[in-house]
Amino acid sequence: MFQIFLRLLTLAVTAFFVSAYKGEAAPASPKAPLYFPAVGSSFWETMTPQSLGWNTAALPELISFLNKNNTRAFLLLKDGKIVVEHYNGSVARGRPFQVNSRWYWASAGKTVTAFMVGKAQEDGYLSITDPTSRYLGNGWTSLAPAQEHQITIRHQLTMTTGLNDLVPNRNCTTPACLTYRAAPDTRWAYYNAPYTLLSQVVEKATKQEFQTYFQTQLRDKIGMDGQWRHLQDNYVYISTPRSMARFGLLMLNNGKWGDTPILKDAAFLNAMVRTSQPLNPSYGYLWWLNGKASFLLPTSQRSFSGSIVPNAPTDMYAALGKNGQFLNVVPSQGLVLVRMGEAPSEEEVPVVFLNEIWKRVNAVVKR
């Protein structure tokens, strides 16, 4: 743990000198027209790095670094087209990991849940300012009724419920596990259990299974594959890497698949990828934000100065999951980055590893 702390401290010091707080402007739109692979087709148009004037001599170092750190899939899109697509290692029974292989998103899937909450609000099923108890009923926590009623859906989206994350099992969602720590909006803590209950909130609000609502309102409309699965106390999404890339492309295009709106609520889309509260400027609605003045990380209340991923573009926003499940979107450059694989380090959300990936991506991508 001490070594991880030193690495994070080094990251923070570096970030202080290479980035600065950029305020609260909405992310820039991509500069070039975007390409969208057809729904129901496996064909995805590609571009060569050479055609973009990228430094192909730096590609072997990027691929080598990814392979050495247990990467199973890596994709880099430019304006919707695949420029780099690399698979490595194996899946079950030693089969090679390939384009149609599936992998878990871990906490990167939180961003999909945030999107679906926004969709449920747009469809009139809920408001994120509603108390969570309106949908889960009284007694979904161990709090006194007045305390419990103060927790809203927005608090679940922003990790500011005030529920005590210093419990033996931070994934447990039973009332006995959900205890009082602080008033909502007064403490930011990365806590899985309150987040996990958002899928039940959507189910109660829409009166249909979360998986069904997700499939009809998002997955099938943009050609994703995969499904949600209960893994012990967690609710985890599993799909091919290209499906993660499709979701990133949807976000890059501000909630539209081509000209077809999937989520029309521009205010919610902007709020997802902007600072949602003053406690952790680098956190939106379950999305991590780059280029801010400071950041907090899971399991710690220590605030680090500067960008969370200093080597990445300042307007990058990210879905980050355990063991290095990454989806990064860079609106100013029309880039979408996907990494899936096994643990590269002991960090719960390995941002140091992501920063090292971007160091090598920068050597490839000429900006």
Protein backbone atom coordinates (compact mmCIF):
# COMPACT_ATOMS: atom_id res chain seq x y z
CA MET A 1 0.00 0.00 0.00
CA PHE A 2 2.88 2.41 0.79
CA GLN A 3 4.29 1.91 -2.72
CA ILE A 4 0.88 2.68 -4.22
CA PHE A 5 0.68 5.84 -2.08
CA LEU A 6 4.08 6.98 -3.36
CA ARG A 7 3.02 6.36 -6.95
CA LEU A 8 -0.17 8.35 -6.44
CA LEU A 9 1.76 11.17 -4.78
CA THR A 10 4.14 11.28 -7.74
CA LEU A 11 1.15 11.31 -10.09
CA ALA A 12 -0.42 14.19 -8.19
CA VAL A 13 2.77 16.27 -8.20
CA THR A 14 3.18 15.71 -11.92
CA ALA A 15 -0.43 16.66 -12.51
CA PHE A 16 0.02 19.91 -10.58
CA PHE A 17 2.61 21.11 -13.06
CA VAL A 18 1.12 19.82 -16.30
CA SER A 19 -2.56 20.64 -15.87
CA ALA A 20 -4.84 23.22 -14.33
CA TYR A 21 -8.48 23.48 -13.43
CA LYS A 22 -10.50 24.21 -16.57
CA GLY A 23 -13.74 25.43 -15.03
CA GLU A 24 -17.14 24.01 -15.82
CA ALA A 25 -17.53 24.46 -19.58
CA ALA A 26 -19.30 21.61 -21.30
CA PRO A 27 -17.02 19.18 -23.16
CA ALA A 28 -16.16 20.25 -26.69
CA SER A 29 -17.88 18.52 -29.58
CA PRO A 30 -15.77 16.37 -31.91
CA LYS A 31 -14.34 18.41 -34.78
CA ALA A 32 -14.88 16.03 -37.68
CA PRO A 33 -18.00 14.14 -38.87
CA LEU A 34 -18.35 10.88 -37.01
CA TYR A 35 -18.69 7.40 -38.47
CA PHE A 36 -21.12 4.95 -36.84
CA PRO A 37 -21.00 1.19 -37.50
CA ALA A 38 -24.37 -0.15 -38.58
CA VAL A 39 -26.66 -1.70 -36.00
CA GLY A 40 -26.84 -5.47 -36.52
CA SER A 41 -23.60 -5.63 -38.49
CA SER A 42 -20.14 -6.77 -37.43
CA PHE A 43 -18.49 -4.51 -39.98
CA TRP A 44 -16.63 -1.53 -38.56
CA GLU A 45 -14.75 0.84 -40.82
CA THR A 46 -11.06 1.36 -40.08
CA MET A 47 -8.37 3.96 -40.68
CA THR A 48 -4.63 3.40 -40.72
CA PRO A 49 -2.36 5.33 -38.37
CA GLN A 50 -0.33 6.34 -41.43
CA SER A 51 -3.34 8.04 -43.03
CA LEU A 52 -3.66 10.21 -39.93
CA GLY A 53 0.02 11.09 -39.87
CA TRP A 54 0.50 9.27 -36.57
CA ASN A 55 3.87 7.99 -35.40
CA THR A 56 3.70 4.29 -36.24
CA ALA A 57 7.22 3.75 -34.89
CA ALA A 58 5.77 4.21 -31.38
CA LEU A 59 3.06 1.56 -31.81
CA PRO A 60 5.22 -1.47 -30.84
CA GLU A 61 6.05 0.12 -27.47
CA LEU A 62 2.36 0.76 -26.79
CA ILE A 63 1.39 -2.82 -27.69
CA SER A 64 4.28 -4.29 -25.70
CA PHE A 65 3.31 -2.27 -22.64
CA LEU A 66 -0.31 -3.41 -22.90
CA ASN A 67 0.69 -7.06 -23.26
CA LYS A 68 3.07 -6.92 -20.30
CA ASN A 69 0.25 -5.58 -18.15
CA ASN A 70 -2.34 -8.31 -18.71
CA THR A 71 -4.37 -6.49 -21.35
CA ARG A 72 -6.91 -8.60 -23.23
CA ALA A 73 -8.32 -5.94 -25.56
CA PHE A 74 -7.34 -2.45 -26.64
CA LEU A 75 -9.14 -0.21 -29.13
CA LEU A 76 -8.49 3.33 -30.22
CA LEU A 77 -11.11 5.06 -32.37
CA LYS A 78 -10.68 8.28 -34.30
CA ASP A 79 -13.93 9.99 -35.33
CA GLY A 80 -15.69 6.66 -34.90
CA LYS A 81 -13.36 4.56 -37.06
CA ILE A 82 -11.02 1.94 -35.61
CA VAL A 83 -7.35 2.91 -35.89
CA VAL A 84 -5.83 0.48 -33.37
CA GLU A 85 -7.42 -2.83 -32.36
CA HIS A 86 -5.36 -5.36 -30.43
CA TYR A 87 -6.25 -8.58 -28.63
CA ASN A 88 -3.99 -10.60 -26.36
CA GLY A 89 -4.06 -13.59 -24.03
CA SER A 90 -6.91 -15.98 -23.52
CA VAL A 91 -10.37 -16.42 -22.02
CA ALA A 92 -12.01 -19.53 -20.58
CA ARG A 93 -10.40 -22.90 -21.29
CA GLY A 94 -7.39 -21.26 -22.88
CA ARG A 95 -9.21 -19.96 -25.94
CA PRO A 96 -7.54 -16.90 -27.45
CA PHE A 97 -9.18 -13.57 -26.73
CA GLN A 98 -10.63 -12.33 -30.01
CA VAL A 99 -12.99 -9.68 -31.37
CA ASN A 100 -16.10 -11.59 -30.25
CA SER A 101 -14.78 -12.50 -26.80
CA ARG A 102 -16.60 -11.00 -23.84
CA TRP A 103 -15.20 -9.41 -20.69
CA TYR A 104 -16.60 -7.74 -17.61
CA TRP A 105 -16.77 -3.94 -17.34
CA ALA A 106 -16.50 -3.88 -13.52
CA SER A 107 -17.14 -0.31 -12.30
CA ALA A 108 -16.80 1.09 -15.81
CA GLY A 109 -20.39 -0.14 -16.14
CA LYS A 110 -21.47 2.50 -13.62
CA THR A 111 -21.53 4.97 -16.52
CA VAL A 112 -24.11 2.88 -18.36
CA THR A 113 -26.28 2.86 -15.25
CA ALA A 114 -25.98 6.65 -15.05
CA PHE A 115 -27.11 6.86 -18.68
CA MET A 116 -30.13 4.67 -17.93
CA VAL A 117 -31.09 6.79 -14.92
CA GLY A 118 -31.05 9.79 -17.24
CA LYS A 119 -33.18 7.90 -19.75
CA ALA A 120 -35.71 6.96 -17.04
CA GLN A 121 -35.89 10.60 -16.02
CA GLU A 122 -36.37 11.69 -19.65
CA ASP A 123 -39.16 9.14 -20.04
CA GLY A 124 -40.93 10.58 -17.00
CA TYR A 125 -40.47 7.62 -14.67
CA LEU A 126 -38.40 9.43 -12.04
CA SER A 127 -36.53 12.59 -11.14
CA ILE A 128 -32.99 12.42 -9.81
CA THR A 129 -34.06 14.82 -7.05
CA ASP A 130 -36.53 12.22 -5.75
CA PRO A 131 -35.75 10.51 -2.43
CA THR A 132 -34.46 7.01 -3.06
CA SER A 133 -37.00 5.71 -0.55
CA ARG A 134 -39.78 6.66 -2.98
CA TYR A 135 -38.69 3.67 -5.07
CA LEU A 136 -36.98 1.32 -2.61
CA GLY A 137 -39.43 1.93 0.22
CA ASN A 138 -38.83 3.02 3.78
CA GLY A 139 -36.14 1.07 5.60
CA TRP A 140 -33.83 0.39 2.66
CA THR A 141 -31.05 1.53 5.03
CA SER A 142 -30.52 1.36 8.80
CA LEU A 143 -30.90 5.12 9.09
CA ALA A 144 -33.62 6.94 10.95
CA PRO A 145 -36.53 7.73 8.62
CA ALA A 146 -35.74 11.45 8.49
CA GLN A 147 -32.09 10.76 7.63
CA GLU A 148 -32.96 8.16 5.01
CA HIS A 149 -35.46 10.47 3.32
CA GLN A 150 -32.68 13.03 2.71
CA ILE A 151 -30.85 10.64 0.35
CA THR A 152 -31.83 11.19 -3.28
CA ILE A 153 -31.06 9.48 -6.56
CA ARG A 154 -28.63 12.31 -7.33
CA HIS A 155 -26.65 11.43 -4.21
CA GLN A 156 -26.33 7.87 -5.50
CA LEU A 157 -25.11 9.19 -8.86
CA THR A 158 -22.49 11.43 -7.25
CA MET A 159 -21.23 9.17 -4.41
CA THR A 160 -22.44 11.65 -1.80
CA THR A 161 -25.11 9.64 0.08
CA GLY A 162 -23.23 9.98 3.36
CA LEU A 163 -23.67 6.25 3.99
CA ASN A 164 -20.77 4.65 5.80
CA ASP A 165 -18.33 3.09 3.34
CA LEU A 166 -16.03 1.94 6.17
CA VAL A 167 -17.82 -1.37 6.54
CA PRO A 168 -16.48 -4.94 6.16
CA ASN A 169 -18.36 -5.52 2.89
CA ARG A 170 -18.71 -2.37 0.78
CA ASN A 171 -20.76 -4.31 -1.78
CA CYS A 172 -23.47 -5.42 0.65
CA THR A 173 -26.82 -3.75 -0.08
CA THR A 174 -28.94 -5.05 2.81
CA PRO A 175 -30.24 -2.43 5.27
CA ALA A 176 -27.97 -3.76 8.01
CA CYS A 177 -24.93 -2.89 5.87
CA LEU A 178 -26.11 0.64 5.03
CA THR A 179 -25.40 2.79 8.06
CA TYR A 180 -25.00 6.50 8.78
CA ARG A 181 -21.67 8.26 8.39
CA ALA A 182 -22.52 11.84 7.39
CA ALA A 183 -25.30 13.97 5.99
CA PRO A 184 -25.78 13.75 2.20
CA ASP A 185 -23.67 16.19 0.18
CA THR A 186 -21.12 16.60 2.98
CA ARG A 187 -18.82 13.64 2.22
CA TRP A 188 -17.68 12.08 -1.07
CA ALA A 189 -16.87 8.38 -0.82
CA TYR A 190 -16.58 5.81 -3.60
CA TYR A 191 -19.07 3.26 -2.30
CA ASN A 192 -20.42 0.44 -4.44
CA ALA A 193 -23.50 -0.52 -2.44
CA PRO A 194 -25.58 2.69 -2.88
CA TYR A 195 -24.63 2.74 -6.57
CA THR A 196 -25.68 -0.89 -7.09
CA LEU A 197 -29.16 -0.09 -5.80
CA LEU A 198 -29.69 2.34 -8.70
CA SER A 199 -30.65 -0.56 -10.95
CA GLN A 200 -33.43 -1.43 -8.48
CA VAL A 201 -34.52 2.21 -8.44
CA VAL A 202 -34.87 2.12 -12.24
CA GLU A 203 -36.73 -1.20 -12.05
CA LYS A 204 -39.22 0.11 -9.48
CA ALA A 205 -39.69 3.36 -11.40
CA THR A 206 -40.17 1.79 -14.85
CA LYS A 207 -41.93 -1.34 -13.56
CA GLN A 208 -39.71 -3.55 -15.71
CA GLU A 209 -36.45 -5.38 -15.24
CA PHE A 210 -33.39 -3.17 -15.56
CA GLN A 211 -31.94 -5.53 -18.16
CA THR A 212 -35.08 -5.25 -20.30
CA TYR A 213 -35.22 -1.46 -20.07
CA PHE A 214 -31.51 -1.22 -20.89
CA GLN A 215 -31.79 -3.53 -23.87
CA THR A 216 -34.78 -1.81 -25.46
CA GLN A 217 -33.75 1.78 -24.74
CA LEU A 218 -29.97 1.61 -25.25
CA ARG A 219 -28.24 -1.66 -26.13
CA ASP A 220 -30.32 -2.74 -29.12
CA LYS A 221 -30.58 0.79 -30.51
CA ILE A 222 -26.82 1.19 -30.95
CA GLY A 223 -25.89 -2.42 -31.72
CA MET A 224 -24.22 -3.37 -28.45
CA ASP A 225 -24.14 -6.96 -27.23
CA GLY A 226 -23.78 -8.35 -23.73
CA GLN A 227 -25.83 -8.52 -20.57
CA TRP A 228 -25.91 -7.63 -16.87
CA ARG A 229 -25.14 -10.38 -14.39
CA HIS A 230 -25.34 -10.66 -10.63
CA LEU A 231 -21.90 -11.57 -9.29
CA GLN A 232 -22.38 -11.98 -5.55
CA ASP A 233 -23.51 -8.51 -4.36
CA ASN A 234 -22.50 -6.75 -7.57
CA TYR A 235 -24.45 -6.19 -10.77
CA VAL A 236 -21.88 -6.27 -13.57
CA TYR A 237 -22.07 -5.74 -17.32
CA ILE A 238 -20.27 -8.18 -19.64
CA SER A 239 -19.79 -7.59 -23.36
CA THR A 240 -17.33 -7.53 -26.23
CA PRO A 241 -14.79 -4.67 -26.27
CA ARG A 242 -16.42 -3.27 -29.40
CA SER A 243 -19.67 -2.86 -27.48
CA MET A 244 -17.83 -0.74 -24.94
CA ALA A 245 -16.48 1.27 -27.87
CA ARG A 246 -20.02 1.74 -29.22
CA PHE A 247 -21.13 3.22 -25.92
CA GLY A 248 -18.12 5.53 -25.94
CA LEU A 249 -18.98 6.64 -29.48
CA LEU A 250 -22.55 7.35 -28.35
CA MET A 251 -21.22 9.57 -25.58
CA LEU A 252 -18.82 11.27 -27.98
CA ASN A 253 -21.83 12.21 -30.11
CA ASN A 254 -23.76 13.63 -27.14
CA GLY A 255 -26.24 10.79 -26.77
CA LYS A 256 -27.07 10.31 -30.44
CA TRP A 257 -26.33 7.27 -32.60
CA GLY A 258 -25.71 8.97 -35.90
CA ASP A 259 -28.73 11.25 -36.24
CA THR A 260 -30.91 9.13 -33.93
CA PRO A 261 -31.26 10.49 -30.38
CA ILE A 262 -30.92 7.82 -27.69
CA LEU A 263 -30.93 10.30 -24.81
CA LYS A 264 -32.23 13.76 -25.74
CA ASP A 265 -31.77 15.42 -22.35
CA ALA A 266 -28.77 17.67 -23.04
CA ALA A 267 -28.75 18.99 -19.48
CA PHE A 268 -28.40 15.49 -18.03
CA LEU A 269 -25.76 14.49 -20.59
CA ASN A 270 -23.70 17.56 -19.71
CA ALA A 271 -24.16 16.97 -15.99
CA MET A 272 -22.88 13.40 -16.31
CA VAL A 273 -19.49 14.61 -17.51
CA ARG A 274 -19.13 17.79 -15.47
CA THR A 275 -18.21 18.28 -11.81
CA SER A 276 -21.28 17.16 -9.86
CA GLN A 277 -20.31 18.40 -6.38
CA PRO A 278 -17.45 20.42 -4.83
CA LEU A 279 -16.01 17.58 -2.73
CA ASN A 280 -14.38 15.73 -5.64
CA PRO A 281 -14.14 18.00 -8.73
CA SER A 282 -13.06 15.02 -10.82
CA TYR A 283 -16.36 13.17 -10.50
CA GLY A 284 -19.58 13.66 -12.45
CA TYR A 285 -22.55 11.28 -12.51
CA LEU A 286 -20.52 8.07 -12.11
CA TRP A 287 -18.01 9.34 -14.72
CA TRP A 288 -14.43 10.36 -13.83
CA LEU A 289 -13.31 13.73 -15.20
CA ASN A 290 -9.84 14.79 -16.25
CA GLY A 291 -8.37 18.28 -16.21
CA LYS A 292 -9.76 19.38 -12.86
CA ALA A 293 -8.02 21.08 -9.95
CA SER A 294 -8.00 18.02 -7.68
CA PHE A 295 -9.30 14.51 -7.24
CA LEU A 296 -10.17 11.91 -4.62
CA LEU A 297 -9.76 8.17 -5.12
CA PRO A 298 -11.58 5.12 -3.75
CA THR A 299 -10.97 4.11 -0.10
CA SER A 300 -9.30 7.43 0.73
CA GLN A 301 -10.33 10.92 1.80
CA ARG A 302 -7.01 12.42 0.69
CA SER A 303 -7.32 15.07 -2.01
CA PHE A 304 -4.61 15.09 -4.68
CA SER A 305 -3.88 18.23 -6.71
CA GLY A 306 -4.23 18.32 -10.49
CA SER A 307 -5.65 16.04 -13.16
CA ILE A 308 -6.40 12.45 -12.33
CA VAL A 309 -4.70 11.34 -15.60
CA PRO A 310 -2.20 14.11 -16.37
CA ASN A 311 -0.90 12.51 -19.57
CA ALA A 312 -4.40 12.42 -21.06
CA PRO A 313 -6.12 15.39 -22.73
CA THR A 314 -7.72 17.68 -20.19
CA ASP A 315 -11.21 17.25 -21.64
CA MET A 316 -11.06 13.46 -21.40
CA TYR A 317 -13.78 11.80 -19.31
CA ALA A 318 -13.55 8.19 -18.27
CA ALA A 319 -15.36 5.07 -17.18
CA LEU A 320 -12.94 3.36 -14.81
CA GLY A 321 -13.28 -0.18 -13.48
CA LYS A 322 -11.43 -2.58 -11.23
CA ASN A 323 -8.48 -4.40 -12.78
CA GLY A 324 -8.13 -1.77 -15.48
CA GLN A 325 -11.43 -1.77 -17.38
CA PHE A 326 -11.24 1.60 -19.15
CA LEU A 327 -13.45 3.61 -21.49
CA ASN A 328 -12.05 7.08 -22.26
CA VAL A 329 -13.74 9.73 -24.42
CA VAL A 330 -11.88 12.79 -25.74
CA PRO A 331 -14.36 15.14 -27.47
CA SER A 332 -11.78 17.70 -28.64
CA GLN A 333 -9.91 15.05 -30.65
CA GLY A 334 -12.72 12.64 -31.55
CA LEU A 335 -10.98 9.81 -29.70
CA VAL A 336 -12.44 6.81 -27.88
CA LEU A 337 -10.09 4.48 -26.00
CA VAL A 338 -11.02 1.03 -24.65
CA ARG A 339 -8.90 -1.25 -22.49
CA MET A 340 -10.10 -4.54 -20.98
CA GLY A 341 -8.04 -7.07 -19.10
CA GLU A 342 -6.72 -8.37 -15.83
CA ALA A 343 -5.21 -6.44 -12.96
CA PRO A 344 -2.05 -4.46 -13.82
CA SER A 345 -1.57 -3.39 -10.16
CA GLU A 346 -3.11 -3.47 -6.69
CA GLU A 347 -5.06 -0.22 -7.13
CA GLU A 348 -8.84 -0.50 -7.02
CA VAL A 349 -9.06 1.98 -9.89
CA PRO A 350 -5.59 1.87 -11.50
CA VAL A 351 -5.23 5.46 -12.68
CA VAL A 352 -1.43 5.28 -12.59
CA PHE A 353 -1.63 2.49 -15.17
CA LEU A 354 -4.04 4.51 -17.29
CA ASN A 355 -1.66 7.46 -17.14
CA GLU A 356 1.13 5.21 -18.45
CA ILE A 357 -1.10 4.05 -21.29
CA TRP A 358 -1.73 7.66 -22.29
CA LYS A 359 1.98 8.40 -22.17
CA ARG A 360 2.45 5.79 -24.89
CA VAL A 361 -0.70 6.77 -26.81
CA ASN A 362 0.62 10.33 -26.96
CA ALA A 363 3.77 9.05 -28.59
CA VAL A 364 1.59 7.52 -31.32
CA VAL A 365 -1.05 10.19 -31.76
CA LYS A 366 0.28 13.45 -33.12
CA ARG A 367 -1.71 16.37 -31.73
